[in-house]
C-alpha atoms as a PDB file:
ATOM      1  CA  MET A   1      55.261  -2.850 -33.478  1.00  0.00           C
ATOM      2  CA  ASN A   2      55.594  -6.950 -33.392  1.00  0.00           C
ATOM      3  CA  LYS A   3      52.689  -8.948 -32.465  1.00  0.00           C
ATOM      4  CA  LEU A   4      53.272 -10.006 -29.022  1.00  0.00           C
ATOM      5  CA  TYR A   5      53.576  -6.284 -28.900  1.00  0.00           C
ATOM      6  CA  LYS A   6      50.112  -5.732 -30.075  1.00  0.00           C
ATOM      7  CA  ALA A   7      48.788  -8.642 -28.256  1.00  0.00           C
ATOM      8  CA  ASN A   8      49.958  -7.415 -25.147  1.00  0.00           C
ATOM      9  CA  LEU A   9      48.398  -3.909 -25.443  1.00  0.00           C
ATOM     10  CA  ILE A  10      45.025  -5.657 -26.131  1.00  0.00           C
ATOM     11  CA  PHE A  11      45.441  -7.739 -23.019  1.00  0.00           C
ATOM     12  CA  ILE A  12      45.988  -4.850 -21.171  1.00  0.00           C
ATOM     13  CA  PHE A  13      43.430  -2.426 -22.814  1.00  0.00           C
ATOM     14  CA  LEU A  14      40.871  -5.943 -21.948  1.00  0.00           C
ATOM     15  CA  LEU A  15      41.944  -5.707 -18.364  1.00  0.00           C
ATOM     16  CA  ILE A  16      41.555  -2.128 -17.761  1.00  0.00           C
ATOM     17  CA  ILE A  17      37.917  -2.475 -19.363  1.00  0.00           C
ATOM     18  CA  ILE A  18      37.379  -5.350 -16.955  1.00  0.00           C
ATOM     19  CA  PHE A  19      38.261  -3.588 -14.353  1.00  0.00           C
ATOM     20  CA  THR A  20      36.746  -0.472 -14.468  1.00  0.00           C
ATOM     21  CA  THR A  21      33.433  -2.094 -14.873  1.00  0.00           C
ATOM     22  CA  VAL A  22      33.611  -4.793 -11.909  1.00  0.00           C
ATOM     23  CA  ALA A  23      34.779  -1.293 -10.225  1.00  0.00           C
ATOM     24  CA  GLY A  24      32.072   0.960 -11.248  1.00  0.00           C
ATOM     25  CA  ALA A  25      29.121  -1.886 -10.900  1.00  0.00           C
ATOM     26  CA  GLU A  26      27.528  -1.831  -7.746  1.00  0.00           C
ATOM     27  CA  GLY A  27      25.136  -5.420  -8.187  1.00  0.00           C
ATOM     28  CA  GLU A  28      21.739  -5.568  -8.077  1.00  0.00           C
ATOM     29  CA  VAL A  29      18.870  -5.956  -6.412  1.00  0.00           C
ATOM     30  CA  ASN A  30      15.592  -8.000  -7.578  1.00  0.00           C
ATOM     31  CA  LEU A  31      12.222  -6.480  -6.636  1.00  0.00           C
ATOM     32  CA  TYR A  32       8.981  -8.006  -6.470  1.00  0.00           C
ATOM     33  CA  THR A  33       6.262  -5.614  -6.829  1.00  0.00           C
ATOM     34  CA  ASN A  34       2.578  -4.959  -7.117  1.00  0.00           C
ATOM     35  CA  ARG A  35       2.863  -1.354  -7.834  1.00  0.00           C
ATOM     36  CA  HIS A  36       2.503   0.393 -11.321  1.00  0.00           C
ATOM     37  CA  TYR A  37       2.971   3.840 -11.012  1.00  0.00           C
ATOM     38  CA  ASP A  38       5.214   6.389 -13.015  1.00  0.00           C
ATOM     39  CA  THR A  39       6.883   7.443  -9.779  1.00  0.00           C
ATOM     40  CA  ASP A  40       8.026   4.305  -8.685  1.00  0.00           C
ATOM     41  CA  GLU A  41       9.686   3.543 -11.939  1.00  0.00           C
ATOM     42  CA  LEU A  42      11.347   7.260 -12.115  1.00  0.00           C
ATOM     43  CA  LEU A  43      12.415   6.585  -7.590  1.00  0.00           C
ATOM     44  CA  LEU A  44      13.890   3.299  -8.683  1.00  0.00           C
ATOM     45  CA  GLN A  45      15.874   4.631 -11.999  1.00  0.00           C
ATOM     46  CA  GLU A  46      17.042   7.345  -9.667  1.00  0.00           C
ATOM     47  CA  PHE A  47      18.354   4.806  -6.674  1.00  0.00           C
ATOM     48  CA  GLU A  48      20.382   3.084 -10.003  1.00  0.00           C
ATOM     49  CA  GLU A  49      21.919   6.606 -10.929  1.00  0.00           C
ATOM     50  CA  ASP A  50      22.823   7.521  -7.294  1.00  0.00           C
ATOM     51  CA  THR A  51      24.071   4.152  -6.295  1.00  0.00           C
ATOM     52  CA  GLY A  52      25.072   1.934  -9.233  1.00  0.00           C
ATOM     53  CA  ILE A  53      22.901  -0.971  -8.049  1.00  0.00           C
ATOM     54  CA  MET A  54      20.599  -2.286 -11.035  1.00  0.00           C
ATOM     55  CA  VAL A  55      16.964  -2.448  -9.709  1.00  0.00           C
ATOM     56  CA  ASN A  56      15.477  -6.061 -11.772  1.00  0.00           C
ATOM     57  CA  VAL A  57      11.714  -5.331 -11.819  1.00  0.00           C
ATOM     58  CA  LEU A  58       8.790  -7.973 -11.665  1.00  0.00           C
ATOM     59  CA  LYS A  59       5.080  -6.589 -11.551  1.00  0.00           C
ATOM     60  CA  GLY A  60       2.141  -8.726 -10.656  1.00  0.00           C
ATOM     61  CA  GLY A  61      -0.812  -9.237  -8.370  1.00  0.00           C
ATOM     62  CA  SER A  62      -0.095  -9.025  -4.679  1.00  0.00           C
ATOM     63  CA  ASP A  63      -1.502 -12.662  -3.559  1.00  0.00           C
ATOM     64  CA  GLU A  64       0.643 -13.868  -7.292  1.00  0.00           C
ATOM     65  CA  LEU A  65       3.687 -12.303  -5.899  1.00  0.00           C
ATOM     66  CA  ILE A  66       3.402 -13.619  -2.949  1.00  0.00           C
ATOM     67  CA  GLU A  67       2.543 -17.647  -3.828  1.00  0.00           C
ATOM     68  CA  LYS A  68       5.207 -17.070  -6.426  1.00  0.00           C
ATOM     69  CA  ILE A  69       8.050 -16.524  -3.565  1.00  0.00           C
ATOM     70  CA  ALA A  70       6.638 -19.471  -2.261  1.00  0.00           C
ATOM     71  CA  ARG A  71       7.007 -21.779  -5.228  1.00  0.00           C
ATOM     72  CA  GLU A  72       9.920 -20.601  -6.178  1.00  0.00           C
ATOM     73  CA  GLY A  73      11.298 -21.279  -2.469  1.00  0.00           C
ATOM     74  CA  LYS A  74      14.895 -20.958  -1.789  1.00  0.00           C
ATOM     75  CA  ASP A  75      15.799 -21.073  -5.561  1.00  0.00           C
ATOM     76  CA  THR A  76      13.542 -17.192  -5.619  1.00  0.00           C
ATOM     77  CA  SER A  77      15.382 -14.301  -7.125  1.00  0.00           C
ATOM     78  CA  ALA A  78      13.307 -11.960  -5.524  1.00  0.00           C
ATOM     79  CA  ASP A  79      14.909  -9.675  -2.757  1.00  0.00           C
ATOM     80  CA  LEU A  80      12.318  -7.480  -2.036  1.00  0.00           C
ATOM     81  CA  LEU A  81       8.466  -7.804  -2.252  1.00  0.00           C
ATOM     82  CA  ILE A  82       6.346  -4.826  -2.338  1.00  0.00           C
ATOM     83  CA  THR A  83       2.147  -5.167  -1.394  1.00  0.00           C
ATOM     84  CA  ALA A  84      -0.422  -3.205  -0.580  1.00  0.00           C
ATOM     85  CA  ASP A  85      -2.085  -3.885   2.818  1.00  0.00           C
ATOM     86  CA  ALA A  86      -0.651  -4.882   5.835  1.00  0.00           C
ATOM     87  CA  GLY A  87      -2.707  -7.725   5.940  1.00  0.00           C
ATOM     88  CA  ARG A  88      -1.034  -9.384   3.043  1.00  0.00           C
ATOM     89  CA  LEU A  89       2.640  -8.206   3.980  1.00  0.00           C
ATOM     90  CA  HIS A  90       1.792 -10.165   7.530  1.00  0.00           C
ATOM     91  CA  ARG A  91       0.560 -13.395   5.702  1.00  0.00           C
ATOM     92  CA  ALA A  92       4.011 -13.439   3.869  1.00  0.00           C
ATOM     93  CA  LYS A  93       5.523 -13.273   6.939  1.00  0.00           C
ATOM     94  CA  THR A  94       3.773 -16.236   8.516  1.00  0.00           C
ATOM     95  CA  MET A  95       4.480 -17.979   5.365  1.00  0.00           C
ATOM     96  CA  GLY A  96       8.069 -17.372   6.211  1.00  0.00           C
ATOM     97  CA  LEU A  97       8.847 -15.705   2.938  1.00  0.00           C
ATOM     98  CA  LEU A  98      10.328 -12.454   4.815  1.00  0.00           C
ATOM     99  CA  GLN A  99      13.376 -12.090   6.895  1.00  0.00           C
ATOM    100  CA  PRO A 100      13.780  -9.203   9.873  1.00  0.00           C
ATOM    101  CA  VAL A 101      15.934  -6.079   8.981  1.00  0.00           C
ATOM    102  CA  LYS A 102      18.164  -4.055  11.754  1.00  0.00           C
ATOM    103  CA  SER A 103      18.218  -0.368  10.217  1.00  0.00           C
ATOM    104  CA  LYS A 104      18.601   2.673  12.165  1.00  0.00           C
ATOM    105  CA  VAL A 105      18.120   4.622   9.049  1.00  0.00           C
ATOM    106  CA  LEU A 106      14.551   2.594   8.642  1.00  0.00           C
ATOM    107  CA  PHE A 107      13.360   2.944  12.314  1.00  0.00           C
ATOM    108  CA  ASN A 108      14.354   6.805  12.031  1.00  0.00           C
ATOM    109  CA  ASN A 109      11.915   6.952   8.744  1.00  0.00           C
ATOM    110  CA  ILE A 110       8.899   4.775   9.846  1.00  0.00           C
ATOM    111  CA  PRO A 111       7.062   5.378  12.951  1.00  0.00           C
ATOM    112  CA  LYS A 112       6.883   1.905  14.701  1.00  0.00           C
ATOM    113  CA  ASN A 113       2.699   1.524  14.263  1.00  0.00           C
ATOM    114  CA  LEU A 114       4.000   1.420  10.306  1.00  0.00           C
ATOM    115  CA  ARG A 115       6.269  -1.384  10.728  1.00  0.00           C
ATOM    116  CA  ASP A 116       5.996  -4.967  11.481  1.00  0.00           C
ATOM    117  CA  GLU A 117       6.554  -5.405  15.357  1.00  0.00           C
ATOM    118  CA  GLU A 118       9.456  -7.429  14.377  1.00  0.00           C
ATOM    119  CA  ASN A 119      10.583  -5.588  11.533  1.00  0.00           C
ATOM    120  CA  TYR A 120       9.462  -8.102   8.955  1.00  0.00           C
ATOM    121  CA  TRP A 121       8.250  -5.399   6.954  1.00  0.00           C
ATOM    122  CA  PHE A 122       7.823  -1.976   6.255  1.00  0.00           C
ATOM    123  CA  GLY A 123       5.524   0.594   5.536  1.00  0.00           C
ATOM    124  CA  LEU A 124       6.160   2.774   2.226  1.00  0.00           C
ATOM    125  CA  THR A 125       2.811   4.844   1.744  1.00  0.00           C
ATOM    126  CA  ILE A 126      -0.373   5.505   3.695  1.00  0.00           C
ATOM    127  CA  ARG A 127      -3.767   5.608   2.824  1.00  0.00           C
ATOM    128  CA  GLY A 128      -7.067   6.024   4.610  1.00  0.00           C
ATOM    129  CA  ARG A 129     -10.505   4.001   4.390  1.00  0.00           C
ATOM    130  CA  VAL A 130     -12.975   6.760   4.724  1.00  0.00           C
ATOM    131  CA  VAL A 131     -16.178   7.565   3.811  1.00  0.00           C
ATOM    132  CA  VAL A 132     -16.600   9.814   0.456  1.00  0.00           C
ATOM    133  CA  TYR A 133     -20.305  11.089  -0.333  1.00  0.00           C
ATOM    134  CA  ALA A 134     -22.933  12.696  -2.530  1.00  0.00           C
ATOM    135  CA  LYS A 135     -22.230  16.458  -2.171  1.00  0.00           C
ATOM    136  CA  ASN A 136     -25.621  17.137  -3.557  1.00  0.00           C
ATOM    137  CA  ARG A 137     -27.661  14.573  -1.215  1.00  0.00           C
ATOM    138  CA  VAL A 138     -25.409  14.557   2.135  1.00  0.00           C
ATOM    139  CA  ASN A 139     -24.859  16.653   5.068  1.00  0.00           C
ATOM    140  CA  GLU A 140     -21.661  16.551   6.103  1.00  0.00           C
ATOM    141  CA  ALA A 141     -23.035  17.193  10.052  1.00  0.00           C
ATOM    142  CA  ASP A 142     -24.684  13.952   9.851  1.00  0.00           C
ATOM    143  CA  LEU A 143     -21.468  11.977   9.469  1.00  0.00           C
ATOM    144  CA  SER A 144     -19.181  11.103  12.116  1.00  0.00           C
ATOM    145  CA  SER A 145     -17.953   7.315  12.755  1.00  0.00           C
ATOM    146  CA  TYR A 146     -18.045   3.772  12.032  1.00  0.00           C
ATOM    147  CA  GLU A 147     -20.294   3.085  14.244  1.00  0.00           C
ATOM    148  CA  ASP A 148     -22.728   5.776  12.652  1.00  0.00           C
ATOM    149  CA  LEU A 149     -23.041   4.127   9.620  1.00  0.00           C
ATOM    150  CA  ILE A 150     -25.258   1.186  11.027  1.00  0.00           C
ATOM    151  CA  ASP A 151     -27.353   3.925  12.119  1.00  0.00           C
ATOM    152  CA  GLU A 152     -30.789   2.897  10.637  1.00  0.00           C
ATOM    153  CA  LYS A 153     -30.562   6.491   9.259  1.00  0.00           C
ATOM    154  CA  TRP A 154     -28.087   4.935   6.217  1.00  0.00           C
ATOM    155  CA  ASN A 155     -30.602   2.229   5.173  1.00  0.00           C
ATOM    156  CA  GLY A 156     -30.283   1.365   1.598  1.00  0.00           C
ATOM    157  CA  LYS A 157     -27.701   4.287   0.991  1.00  0.00           C
ATOM    158  CA  ILE A 158     -24.302   2.292   1.573  1.00  0.00           C
ATOM    159  CA  LEU A 159     -21.963   0.895  -1.024  1.00  0.00           C
ATOM    160  CA  VAL A 160     -19.211  -1.470  -0.435  1.00  0.00           C
ATOM    161  CA  ARG A 161     -17.120  -3.735  -2.165  1.00  0.00           C
ATOM    162  CA  SER A 162     -17.037  -7.553  -1.490  1.00  0.00           C
ATOM    163  CA  SER A 163     -15.716  -9.134   1.890  1.00  0.00           C
ATOM    164  CA  SER A 164     -12.777 -10.408  -0.242  1.00  0.00           C
ATOM    165  CA  ASN A 165     -11.460  -7.643  -0.708  1.00  0.00           C
ATOM    166  CA  ILE A 166      -8.187  -7.249   1.258  1.00  0.00           C
ATOM    167  CA  TYR A 167      -8.869  -3.227   2.636  1.00  0.00           C
ATOM    168  CA  ASN A 168     -12.085  -4.507   3.748  1.00  0.00           C
ATOM    169  CA  GLN A 169     -10.763  -7.289   5.930  1.00  0.00           C
ATOM    170  CA  SER A 170      -8.035  -5.275   7.285  1.00  0.00           C
ATOM    171  CA  LEU A 171     -10.682  -2.304   7.912  1.00  0.00           C
ATOM    172  CA  LEU A 172     -13.054  -5.116  10.426  1.00  0.00           C
ATOM    173  CA  ALA A 173      -9.615  -6.469  11.603  1.00  0.00           C
ATOM    174  CA  SER A 174      -8.757  -3.090  12.914  1.00  0.00           C
ATOM    175  CA  PHE A 175     -12.544  -2.745  15.302  1.00  0.00           C
ATOM    176  CA  ILE A 176     -11.623  -6.285  16.460  1.00  0.00           C
ATOM    177  CA  GLU A 177      -8.239  -4.812  17.721  1.00  0.00           C
ATOM    178  CA  LEU A 178      -9.765  -1.468  19.268  1.00  0.00           C
ATOM    179  CA  TYR A 179     -13.004  -2.808  20.469  1.00  0.00           C
ATOM    180  CA  GLY A 180     -13.464  -6.472  20.201  1.00  0.00           C
ATOM    181  CA  ARG A 181     -15.308  -9.463  18.256  1.00  0.00           C
ATOM    182  CA  ASP A 182     -18.629  -8.698  19.308  1.00  0.00           C
ATOM    183  CA  TRP A 183     -18.503  -5.159  18.143  1.00  0.00           C
ATOM    184  CA  ALA A 184     -17.216  -5.922  15.076  1.00  0.00           C
ATOM    185  CA  VAL A 185     -19.786  -8.777  14.382  1.00  0.00           C
ATOM    186  CA  ASN A 186     -22.458  -5.869  14.864  1.00  0.00           C
ATOM    187  CA  TRP A 187     -20.943  -3.193  12.719  1.00  0.00           C
ATOM    188  CA  ALA A 188     -20.158  -5.752  10.031  1.00  0.00           C
ATOM    189  CA  GLU A 189     -23.922  -6.855  10.470  1.00  0.00           C
ATOM    190  CA  GLY A 190     -25.330  -2.943  10.675  1.00  0.00           C
ATOM    191  CA  ILE A 191     -23.629  -2.404   7.333  1.00  0.00           C
ATOM    192  CA  VAL A 192     -25.116  -5.259   5.324  1.00  0.00           C
ATOM    193  CA  LYS A 193     -28.356  -4.584   6.736  1.00  0.00           C
ATOM    194  CA  ASN A 194     -27.650  -0.775   4.997  1.00  0.00           C
ATOM    195  CA  MET A 195     -26.125  -1.724   1.771  1.00  0.00           C
ATOM    196  CA  ALA A 196     -27.755  -0.065  -1.150  1.00  0.00           C
ATOM    197  CA  ARG A 197     -26.789  -3.150  -3.508  1.00  0.00           C
ATOM    198  CA  LYS A 198     -25.160  -6.287  -3.085  1.00  0.00           C
ATOM    199  CA  PRO A 199     -21.168  -5.562  -2.863  1.00  0.00           C
ATOM    200  CA  GLN A 200     -19.612  -5.345  -6.438  1.00  0.00           C
ATOM    201  CA  GLY A 201     -16.324  -3.956  -8.361  1.00  0.00           C
ATOM    202  CA  ASN A 202     -13.726  -1.877  -6.573  1.00  0.00           C
ATOM    203  CA  ASP A 203     -13.532   1.614  -4.745  1.00  0.00           C
ATOM    204  CA  ARG A 204     -13.830   3.618  -8.141  1.00  0.00           C
ATOM    205  CA  ASP A 205     -16.953   1.526  -9.137  1.00  0.00           C
ATOM    206  CA  GLN A 206     -18.254   2.407  -5.510  1.00  0.00           C
ATOM    207  CA  ALA A 207     -17.202   6.465  -6.288  1.00  0.00           C
ATOM    208  CA  THR A 208     -19.374   6.087  -9.635  1.00  0.00           C
ATOM    209  CA  ALA A 209     -22.319   4.403  -8.552  1.00  0.00           C
ATOM    210  CA  VAL A 210     -22.908   7.304  -5.743  1.00  0.00           C
ATOM    211  CA  VAL A 211     -22.488   9.872  -8.185  1.00  0.00           C
ATOM    212  CA  ALA A 212     -25.263   7.619 -10.523  1.00  0.00           C
ATOM    213  CA  GLY A 213     -27.732   7.772  -7.346  1.00  0.00           C
ATOM    214  CA  GLN A 214     -27.406   3.881  -6.421  1.00  0.00           C
ATOM    215  CA  GLY A 215     -26.284   5.062  -2.972  1.00  0.00           C
ATOM    216  CA  ASP A 216     -25.423   8.244  -0.660  1.00  0.00           C
ATOM    217  CA  ILE A 217     -22.040   7.556   0.690  1.00  0.00           C
ATOM    218  CA  ALA A 218     -19.255   4.488  -0.108  1.00  0.00           C
ATOM    219  CA  ILE A 219     -16.432   3.368   2.294  1.00  0.00           C
ATOM    220  CA  MET A 220     -13.274   3.452  -0.194  1.00  0.00           C
ATOM    221  CA  ASN A 221      -9.232   4.498  -0.120  1.00  0.00           C
ATOM    222  CA  THR A 222      -8.252   7.866  -0.011  1.00  0.00           C
ATOM    223  CA  TYR A 223      -5.804   7.543  -2.802  1.00  0.00           C
ATOM    224  CA  TYR A 224      -8.393   6.528  -5.496  1.00  0.00           C
ATOM    225  CA  LEU A 225     -10.497   9.969  -5.318  1.00  0.00           C
ATOM    226  CA  GLY A 226      -6.702  11.619  -5.478  1.00  0.00           C
ATOM    227  CA  LYS A 227      -6.612   9.469  -8.544  1.00  0.00           C
ATOM    228  CA  MET A 228      -9.515  10.099 -10.231  1.00  0.00           C
ATOM    229  CA  LEU A 229      -9.469  14.005  -9.892  1.00  0.00           C
ATOM    230  CA  ASN A 230      -6.421  13.780 -11.845  1.00  0.00           C
ATOM    231  CA  SER A 231      -7.322  11.027 -14.481  1.00  0.00           C
ATOM    232  CA  THR A 232      -6.799  11.374 -17.779  1.00  0.00           C
ATOM    233  CA  ASN A 233     -10.180   9.634 -18.371  1.00  0.00           C
ATOM    234  CA  GLN A 234     -13.030  12.830 -17.880  1.00  0.00           C
ATOM    235  CA  GLU A 235     -15.760  10.681 -16.545  1.00  0.00           C
ATOM    236  CA  GLU A 236     -13.579  10.124 -13.732  1.00  0.00           C
ATOM    237  CA  VAL A 237     -12.987  13.411 -13.165  1.00  0.00           C
ATOM    238  CA  LYS A 238     -16.615  14.669 -13.701  1.00  0.00           C
ATOM    239  CA  VAL A 239     -17.738  11.622 -10.657  1.00  0.00           C
ATOM    240  CA  ALA A 240     -14.770  12.803  -8.473  1.00  0.00           C
ATOM    241  CA  LYS A 241     -15.884  16.383  -8.196  1.00  0.00           C
ATOM    242  CA  GLN A 242     -19.142  15.637  -7.168  1.00  0.00           C
ATOM    243  CA  LEU A 243     -17.814  13.667  -3.932  1.00  0.00           C
ATOM    244  CA  GLU A 244     -16.315  14.531  -0.658  1.00  0.00           C
ATOM    245  CA  ILE A 245     -14.090  12.593   1.663  1.00  0.00           C
ATOM    246  CA  PHE A 246     -14.954  12.524   5.555  1.00  0.00           C
ATOM    247  CA  PHE A 247     -12.747  11.157   8.003  1.00  0.00           C
ATOM    248  CA  PRO A 248     -14.579   8.978  10.727  1.00  0.00           C
ATOM    249  CA  LYS A 249     -13.625   9.215  14.117  1.00  0.00           C
ATOM    250  CA  LYS A 250      -9.981   7.254  14.242  1.00  0.00           C
ATOM    251  CA  THR A 251      -9.696   6.979  10.881  1.00  0.00           C
ATOM    252  CA  HIS A 252      -8.370   3.251   9.765  1.00  0.00           C
ATOM    253  CA  ILE A 253      -4.923   3.761   7.392  1.00  0.00           C
ATOM    254  CA  ASN A 254      -3.617   1.454   6.252  1.00  0.00           C
ATOM    255  CA  VAL A 255      -0.102   1.203   3.704  1.00  0.00           C
ATOM    256  CA  SER A 256       1.872   0.130   0.948  1.00  0.00           C
ATOM    257  CA  GLY A 257       4.687  -1.855   2.068  1.00  0.00           C
ATOM    258  CA  ILE A 258       8.470  -3.920   1.771  1.00  0.00           C
ATOM    259  CA  GLY A 259       9.753  -6.565   3.259  1.00  0.00           C
ATOM    260  CA  LEU A 260      12.973  -8.319   2.731  1.00  0.00           C
ATOM    261  CA  THR A 261      12.820 -11.534   1.383  1.00  0.00           C
ATOM    262  CA  ARG A 262      13.764 -14.857   3.410  1.00  0.00           C
ATOM    263  CA  HIS A 263      16.722 -16.103   0.702  1.00  0.00           C
ATOM    264  CA  ALA A 264      17.135 -12.808  -0.724  1.00  0.00           C
ATOM    265  CA  LYS A 265      20.703 -13.143  -2.638  1.00  0.00           C
ATOM    266  CA  ASN A 266      21.533  -9.643  -2.308  1.00  0.00           C
ATOM    267  CA  LYS A 267      20.717  -8.616   0.858  1.00  0.00           C
ATOM    268  CA  GLU A 268      22.982  -5.539   1.820  1.00  0.00           C
ATOM    269  CA  ASN A 269      21.608  -3.513  -1.558  1.00  0.00           C
ATOM    270  CA  ALA A 270      18.051  -4.717  -0.719  1.00  0.00           C
ATOM    271  CA  VAL A 271      18.034  -2.695   2.552  1.00  0.00           C
ATOM    272  CA  ARG A 272      19.898   0.370   0.564  1.00  0.00           C
ATOM    273  CA  LEU A 273      16.500   0.514  -1.535  1.00  0.00           C
ATOM    274  CA  ILE A 274      14.158   0.004   1.526  1.00  0.00           C
ATOM    275  CA  GLU A 275      15.991   2.894   2.921  1.00  0.00           C
ATOM    276  CA  TYR A 276      16.213   4.994  -0.086  1.00  0.00           C
ATOM    277  CA  LEU A 277      12.379   4.609  -0.378  1.00  0.00           C
ATOM    278  CA  THR A 278      11.720   5.775   3.155  1.00  0.00           C
ATOM    279  CA  SER A 279      13.923   8.969   2.788  1.00  0.00           C
ATOM    280  CA  LYS A 280      12.712  12.464   2.417  1.00  0.00           C
ATOM    281  CA  LYS A 281      13.505  12.881  -0.735  1.00  0.00           C
ATOM    282  CA  ALA A 282      11.494   9.608  -2.085  1.00  0.00           C
ATOM    283  CA  GLN A 283       8.766   9.982   0.297  1.00  0.00           C
ATOM    284  CA  GLU A 284       8.405  13.743  -1.058  1.00  0.00           C
ATOM    285  CA  MET A 285       8.089  12.215  -5.005  1.00  0.00           C
ATOM    286  CA  PHE A 286       5.268   9.402  -3.416  1.00  0.00           C
ATOM    287  CA  ALA A 287       2.937  12.323  -1.488  1.00  0.00           C
ATOM    288  CA  LYS A 288       3.261  14.775  -4.451  1.00  0.00           C
ATOM    289  CA  ALA A 289       2.666  12.049  -7.718  1.00  0.00           C
ATOM    290  CA  ASN A 290       0.583   9.160  -5.837  1.00  0.00           C
ATOM    291  CA  PHE A 291      -1.870  11.116  -3.753  1.00  0.00           C
ATOM    292  CA  GLU A 292      -0.805   8.799  -0.873  1.00  0.00           C
ATOM    293  CA  TYR A 293      -0.047   9.904   2.418  1.00  0.00           C
ATOM    294  CA  PRO A 294       3.960   9.685   3.804  1.00  0.00           C
ATOM    295  CA  VAL A 295       5.034   7.171   6.283  1.00  0.00           C
ATOM    296  CA  ASN A 296       7.926   9.855   6.844  1.00  0.00           C
ATOM    297  CA  ASN A 297       7.112  12.248   9.479  1.00  0.00           C
ATOM    298  CA  GLU A 298       9.485  14.534   8.175  1.00  0.00           C
ATOM    299  CA  VAL A 299       7.296  15.005   4.713  1.00  0.00           C
ATOM    300  CA  LYS A 300       3.996  16.924   4.188  1.00  0.00           C
ATOM    301  CA  PRO A 301       1.015  15.073   2.275  1.00  0.00           C
ATOM    302  CA  SER A 302       0.400  17.307  -1.307  1.00  0.00           C
ATOM    303  CA  GLU A 303      -1.528  20.013  -1.331  1.00  0.00           C
ATOM    304  CA  LEU A 304      -4.985  18.023  -2.506  1.00  0.00           C
ATOM    305  CA  LEU A 305      -4.263  15.794   0.239  1.00  0.00           C
ATOM    306  CA  LYS A 306      -3.964  18.922   3.062  1.00  0.00           C
ATOM    307  CA  SER A 307      -7.173  20.480   1.292  1.00  0.00           C
ATOM    308  CA  TRP A 308      -9.400  17.209   2.286  1.00  0.00           C
ATOM    309  CA  GLY A 309      -8.176  18.351   6.123  1.00  0.00           C
ATOM    310  CA  GLU A 310      -6.357  16.968   8.910  1.00  0.00           C
ATOM    311  CA  PHE A 311      -7.588  13.500  10.926  1.00  0.00           C
ATOM    312  CA  LYS A 312      -6.719  11.268  13.821  1.00  0.00           C
ATOM    313  CA  THR A 313      -6.042   7.393  13.033  1.00  0.00           C
ATOM    314  CA  GLN A 314      -6.352   4.244  15.005  1.00  0.00           C
ATOM    315  CA  ASP A 315      -4.129   3.799  17.431  1.00  0.00           C
ATOM    316  CA  ILE A 316      -2.931   0.309  16.995  1.00  0.00           C
ATOM    317  CA  ASN A 317      -0.047  -1.406  15.236  1.00  0.00           C
ATOM    318  CA  LEU A 318      -0.507  -2.227  11.933  1.00  0.00           C
ATOM    319  CA  SER A 319       0.945  -5.627  12.581  1.00  0.00           C
ATOM    320  CA  SER A 320      -2.687  -6.855  14.068  1.00  0.00           C
ATOM    321  CA  LEU A 321      -4.147  -6.251  10.807  1.00  0.00           C
ATOM    322  CA  GLY A 322      -2.575  -9.382   9.818  1.00  0.00           C
ATOM    323  CA  GLU A 323      -3.415 -11.200  12.849  1.00  0.00           C
ATOM    324  CA  ASN A 324      -6.681 -10.395  13.248  1.00  0.00           C
ATOM    325  CA  ASN A 325      -7.475 -11.214   9.211  1.00  0.00           C
ATOM    326  CA  LYS A 326      -8.888 -14.896   9.673  1.00  0.00           C
ATOM    327  CA  GLU A 327     -11.226 -13.413  12.317  1.00  0.00           C
ATOM    328  CA  ALA A 328     -12.457 -11.075  10.291  1.00  0.00           C
ATOM    329  CA  TYR A 329     -12.963 -13.079   7.089  1.00  0.00           C
ATOM    330  CA  MET A 330     -14.990 -15.418   9.585  1.00  0.00           C
ATOM    331  CA  ILE A 331     -17.316 -12.336  10.791  1.00  0.00           C
ATOM    332  CA  PHE A 332     -18.058 -11.788   7.386  1.00  0.00           C
ATOM    333  CA  ASN A 333     -19.047 -15.260   6.743  1.00  0.00           C
ATOM    334  CA  GLN A 334     -21.286 -15.059   9.668  1.00  0.00           C
ATOM    335  CA  VAL A 335     -23.132 -11.903   8.825  1.00  0.00           C
ATOM    336  CA  GLY A 336     -23.701 -12.650   5.285  1.00  0.00           C
ATOM    337  CA  TRP A 337     -21.561 -10.218   3.418  1.00  0.00           C
ATOM    338  CA  LYS A 338     -20.501 -11.575   0.464  1.00  0.00           C
END
């Protein structure tokens, strides 16, 4: 076998390898996300296996990632942004960091109220902001609505995190949308009067403080209690078992959501990933593992969430949470909610 023949064989062999590699590769998609759950990693891995599209993930805090995309501008590598709270997603939209998506798959998978009115972002999972109370000190019959929380019977008994928290800002923003500014001011003032202590800590800290007797009820997100009940930290489990969830009339809900960045370099692959994450298969995994409610109506909540009971949600589009955020923040400052 002469040298030329060998060289030709090697060249052909290399061409076959290159062709096979290129033909089998479907490109990539770059995801900036604030989520740090094992379920998310498993879903992204299955998406890669199903589609051949490689998912490159950058994790960070919600506000940190938004600012990073803004700084990077046209040079950003981000194709998708996942962050908690419709208020933050709206902020990303108004900063010009996102672009709208037209997809029949997404329109079918996600109810209209759980996505941006102009389709700049889409909800992935739902969590309710509810009342969590001490089983041994509170009679559920005494609970009814968010408005009832400002009754003097709750004086010195309410625990809640600070006004700088986006979850509280969105809760108040929903009241502005439903009932108007004056109602929202009155409610915020009433909560401040009934606080058991100065706002501090996260939602888990509110739950712990209730069990410690610092207050009787806390305002917190549903999935935190689910996480605590299934925690590897036995102290968290012990705390959670002494608490119960109550869904106020017209329960406030929010989402963890996703948006296509304005300067996405892998737009087609990015849309495919959004569609995948809102599919029945992916939504079932979200529901079972993360104690969040699915956005896809074809998927039922986990057994734990179903055990908490059914509830009726506020009849608003979640875009209003971002639209009313600035007003909510001003009200918190006005009434002295630190």
